[in-house]
Amino acid sequence: MAIHDTIGDYLTAIRNASRAHKETIVVPFSKTKQAIGEILVREGYLRSCEKVEVRTNVPALRLGLKYVRQRPVITDLQRASRPGCRQYTGARQTPKVLGGMGFTIISTPQGVLKDSEARRRKVGGEVLCEVW
């Protein structure tokens, strides 16, 4: 079976691991996944995101999940743009999640950015996921 939506699989791995109260998970590496992980660390949703080698010349990402009083910090992650139905946004139309309680991660020509950063830089792009 071929994997078609690697970002969707990545988000599902984080969601499932946090609900199973895992401390760390290891997922296949990509630059986009690393950028999403770094945004989640910066915003306080993950404890760590580091590139590791699981075997010789096989990179992966090790993510440290974060909990507060045995409850996951990440309430939910939702994939917005899918391979069958891409979702794009302009700089001014960037969607807000739960009235500003969460945030959107957008793939722009300037890299993978959080919605507020994309608005500040006045760039739009593909809406990857919503986090709250």
C-alpha atoms as a PDB file:
ATOM      1  CA  MET A   1       0.000   0.000   0.000  1.00  0.00           C
ATOM      2  CA  ALA A   2       1.431   3.347  -1.020  1.00  0.00           C
ATOM      3  CA  ILE A   3       1.400   6.299   1.339  1.00  0.00           C
ATOM      4  CA  HIS A   4      -0.212   9.276  -0.326  1.00  0.00           C
ATOM      5  CA  ASP A   5      -0.633  11.819   2.460  1.00  0.00           C
ATOM      6  CA  THR A   6       2.539  11.891   4.539  1.00  0.00           C
ATOM      7  CA  ILE A   7       1.534  15.064   6.431  1.00  0.00           C
ATOM      8  CA  GLY A   8      -1.815  13.488   7.324  1.00  0.00           C
ATOM      9  CA  ASP A   9      -0.026  10.357   8.571  1.00  0.00           C
ATOM     10  CA  TYR A  10       2.345  12.557  10.612  1.00  0.00           C
ATOM     11  CA  LEU A  11      -0.528  14.423  12.282  1.00  0.00           C
ATOM     12  CA  THR A  12      -2.355  11.153  12.966  1.00  0.00           C
ATOM     13  CA  ALA A  13       0.779   9.705  14.595  1.00  0.00           C
ATOM     14  CA  ILE A  14       1.028  12.745  16.906  1.00  0.00           C
ATOM     15  CA  ARG A  15      -2.707  12.620  17.711  1.00  0.00           C
ATOM     16  CA  ASN A  16      -2.683   8.876  18.454  1.00  0.00           C
ATOM     17  CA  ALA A  17       0.513   8.999  20.520  1.00  0.00           C
ATOM     18  CA  SER A  18      -0.750  11.865  22.662  1.00  0.00           C
ATOM     19  CA  ARG A  19      -4.040  10.045  23.329  1.00  0.00           C
ATOM     20  CA  ALA A  20      -2.044   6.909  24.256  1.00  0.00           C
ATOM     21  CA  HIS A  21       0.133   9.028  26.631  1.00  0.00           C
ATOM     22  CA  LYS A  22       3.431   8.195  24.883  1.00  0.00           C
ATOM     23  CA  GLU A  23       6.485  10.214  25.925  1.00  0.00           C
ATOM     24  CA  THR A  24       8.166  10.221  22.500  1.00  0.00           C
ATOM     25  CA  ILE A  25       7.450   9.040  18.976  1.00  0.00           C
ATOM     26  CA  VAL A  26       9.674   8.525  15.940  1.00  0.00           C
ATOM     27  CA  VAL A  27       8.313   9.361  12.482  1.00  0.00           C
ATOM     28  CA  PRO A  28       9.921   9.408   9.007  1.00  0.00           C
ATOM     29  CA  PHE A  29      11.778  12.638   8.244  1.00  0.00           C
ATOM     30  CA  SER A  30      10.856  15.395   5.833  1.00  0.00           C
ATOM     31  CA  LYS A  31      11.637  19.110   5.916  1.00  0.00           C
ATOM     32  CA  THR A  32       7.940  20.004   6.034  1.00  0.00           C
ATOM     33  CA  LYS A  33       7.324  17.694   8.993  1.00  0.00           C
ATOM     34  CA  GLN A  34      10.340  19.168  10.767  1.00  0.00           C
ATOM     35  CA  ALA A  35       9.047  22.712  10.177  1.00  0.00           C
ATOM     36  CA  ILE A  36       5.597  21.762  11.539  1.00  0.00           C
ATOM     37  CA  GLY A  37       7.231  20.134  14.567  1.00  0.00           C
ATOM     38  CA  GLU A  38       9.358  23.214  15.259  1.00  0.00           C
ATOM     39  CA  ILE A  39       6.256  25.422  15.149  1.00  0.00           C
ATOM     40  CA  LEU A  40       4.513  23.101  17.615  1.00  0.00           C
ATOM     41  CA  VAL A  41       7.547  23.236  19.938  1.00  0.00           C
ATOM     42  CA  ARG A  42       7.732  27.033  19.694  1.00  0.00           C
ATOM     43  CA  GLU A  43       4.023  27.334  20.535  1.00  0.00           C
ATOM     44  CA  GLY A  44       4.319  24.965  23.509  1.00  0.00           C
ATOM     45  CA  TYR A  45       2.389  21.986  22.113  1.00  0.00           C
ATOM     46  CA  LEU A  46       5.409  19.629  21.929  1.00  0.00           C
ATOM     47  CA  ARG A  47       8.355  19.232  24.270  1.00  0.00           C
ATOM     48  CA  SER A  48      10.965  18.613  21.543  1.00  0.00           C
ATOM     49  CA  CYS A  49      11.500  17.923  17.846  1.00  0.00           C
ATOM     50  CA  GLU A  50      14.874  16.610  16.725  1.00  0.00           C
ATOM     51  CA  LYS A  51      16.292  14.899  13.663  1.00  0.00           C
ATOM     52  CA  VAL A  52      17.797  11.462  14.401  1.00  0.00           C
ATOM     53  CA  GLU A  53      19.106   8.522  12.374  1.00  0.00           C
ATOM     54  CA  VAL A  54      17.223   5.271  12.969  1.00  0.00           C
ATOM     55  CA  ARG A  55      19.675   3.382  10.738  1.00  0.00           C
ATOM     56  CA  THR A  56      22.625   4.454   8.637  1.00  0.00           C
ATOM     57  CA  ASN A  57      21.487   7.244   6.288  1.00  0.00           C
ATOM     58  CA  VAL A  58      17.812   6.855   7.299  1.00  0.00           C
ATOM     59  CA  PRO A  59      16.718  10.085   8.982  1.00  0.00           C
ATOM     60  CA  ALA A  60      13.686  10.363  11.246  1.00  0.00           C
ATOM     61  CA  LEU A  61      12.122  12.878  13.614  1.00  0.00           C
ATOM     62  CA  ARG A  62      11.878  12.186  17.333  1.00  0.00           C
ATOM     63  CA  LEU A  63       9.049  14.176  18.898  1.00  0.00           C
ATOM     64  CA  GLY A  64       8.687  14.648  22.648  1.00  0.00           C
ATOM     65  CA  LEU A  65       5.026  14.980  23.581  1.00  0.00           C
ATOM     66  CA  LYS A  66       3.866  17.335  26.293  1.00  0.00           C
ATOM     67  CA  TYR A  67       1.269  16.774  29.031  1.00  0.00           C
ATOM     68  CA  VAL A  68      -0.222  18.911  31.791  1.00  0.00           C
ATOM     69  CA  ARG A  69      -1.637  16.963  34.753  1.00  0.00           C
ATOM     70  CA  GLN A  70      -1.638  13.765  32.652  1.00  0.00           C
ATOM     71  CA  ARG A  71      -3.729  15.437  29.928  1.00  0.00           C
ATOM     72  CA  PRO A  72      -2.285  16.033  26.432  1.00  0.00           C
ATOM     73  CA  VAL A  73      -1.526  19.671  25.615  1.00  0.00           C
ATOM     74  CA  ILE A  74      -2.695  19.028  22.044  1.00  0.00           C
ATOM     75  CA  THR A  75      -6.483  18.819  22.120  1.00  0.00           C
ATOM     76  CA  ASP A  76      -6.686  18.066  18.411  1.00  0.00           C
ATOM     77  CA  LEU A  77      -4.855  18.340  15.082  1.00  0.00           C
ATOM     78  CA  GLN A  78      -6.866  18.424  11.871  1.00  0.00           C
ATOM     79  CA  ARG A  79      -5.552  18.174   8.330  1.00  0.00           C
ATOM     80  CA  ALA A  80      -7.082  21.010   6.308  1.00  0.00           C
ATOM     81  CA  SER A  81      -5.686  20.597   2.791  1.00  0.00           C
ATOM     82  CA  ARG A  82      -5.790  17.041   1.491  1.00  0.00           C
ATOM     83  CA  PRO A  83      -4.253  15.531  -1.661  1.00  0.00           C
ATOM     84  CA  GLY A  84      -7.721  15.227  -3.239  1.00  0.00           C
ATOM     85  CA  CYS A  85      -8.878  18.700  -2.230  1.00  0.00           C
ATOM     86  CA  ARG A  86      -6.180  21.292  -1.719  1.00  0.00           C
ATOM     87  CA  GLN A  87      -7.087  24.334   0.347  1.00  0.00           C
ATOM     88  CA  TYR A  88      -5.340  27.649  -0.249  1.00  0.00           C
ATOM     89  CA  THR A  89      -5.650  31.015   1.445  1.00  0.00           C
ATOM     90  CA  GLY A  90      -4.602  34.552   0.741  1.00  0.00           C
ATOM     91  CA  ALA A  91      -2.717  36.715   3.206  1.00  0.00           C
ATOM     92  CA  ARG A  92      -5.863  38.510   4.380  1.00  0.00           C
ATOM     93  CA  GLN A  93      -8.188  35.499   4.390  1.00  0.00           C
ATOM     94  CA  THR A  94      -6.091  33.341   6.726  1.00  0.00           C
ATOM     95  CA  PRO A  95      -8.596  31.339   8.807  1.00  0.00           C
ATOM     96  CA  LYS A  96      -8.745  31.615  12.600  1.00  0.00           C
ATOM     97  CA  VAL A  97      -9.243  28.435  14.589  1.00  0.00           C
ATOM     98  CA  LEU A  98     -11.823  28.419  17.385  1.00  0.00           C
ATOM     99  CA  GLY A  99     -11.969  32.202  17.429  1.00  0.00           C
ATOM    100  CA  GLY A 100      -8.214  32.511  18.022  1.00  0.00           C
ATOM    101  CA  MET A 101      -7.870  29.721  20.615  1.00  0.00           C
ATOM    102  CA  GLY A 102      -5.918  27.599  18.131  1.00  0.00           C
ATOM    103  CA  PHE A 103      -3.863  28.340  15.061  1.00  0.00           C
ATOM    104  CA  THR A 104      -3.344  27.310  11.454  1.00  0.00           C
ATOM    105  CA  ILE A 105      -0.091  26.133   9.877  1.00  0.00           C
ATOM    106  CA  ILE A 106       0.399  27.325   6.290  1.00  0.00           C
ATOM    107  CA  SER A 107       2.929  26.315   3.634  1.00  0.00           C
ATOM    108  CA  THR A 108       3.989  29.558   1.932  1.00  0.00           C
ATOM    109  CA  PRO A 109       6.698  30.544  -0.555  1.00  0.00           C
ATOM    110  CA  GLN A 110       8.636  31.807   2.493  1.00  0.00           C
ATOM    111  CA  GLY A 111       8.431  28.434   4.249  1.00  0.00           C
ATOM    112  CA  VAL A 112       6.026  26.770   6.649  1.00  0.00           C
ATOM    113  CA  LEU A 113       4.529  29.473   8.881  1.00  0.00           C
ATOM    114  CA  LYS A 114       1.985  29.917  11.647  1.00  0.00           C
ATOM    115  CA  ASP A 115      -1.101  31.891  10.545  1.00  0.00           C
ATOM    116  CA  SER A 116      -0.199  35.044  12.500  1.00  0.00           C
ATOM    117  CA  GLU A 117       3.310  35.073  11.007  1.00  0.00           C
ATOM    118  CA  ALA A 118       1.891  34.630   7.482  1.00  0.00           C
ATOM    119  CA  ARG A 119      -0.491  37.560   8.082  1.00  0.00           C
ATOM    120  CA  ARG A 120       2.382  39.704   9.361  1.00  0.00           C
ATOM    121  CA  ARG A 121       4.535  38.876   6.313  1.00  0.00           C
ATOM    122  CA  LYS A 122       1.492  39.301   4.017  1.00  0.00           C
ATOM    123  CA  VAL A 123       1.833  35.916   2.308  1.00  0.00           C
ATOM    124  CA  GLY A 124      -0.711  33.201   1.610  1.00  0.00           C
ATOM    125  CA  GLY A 125      -0.363  29.582   0.687  1.00  0.00           C
ATOM    126  CA  GLU A 126      -1.636  26.064   1.286  1.00  0.00           C
ATOM    127  CA  VAL A 127      -3.394  25.508   4.624  1.00  0.00           C
ATOM    128  CA  LEU A 128      -1.714  22.392   6.019  1.00  0.00           C
ATOM    129  CA  CYS A 129      -3.435  21.883   9.362  1.00  0.00           C
ATOM    130  CA  GLU A 130      -5.305  23.404  12.281  1.00  0.00           C
ATOM    131  CA  VAL A 131      -4.095  22.971  15.873  1.00  0.00           C
ATOM    132  CA  TRP A 132      -5.903  23.538  19.147  1.00  0.00           C
END
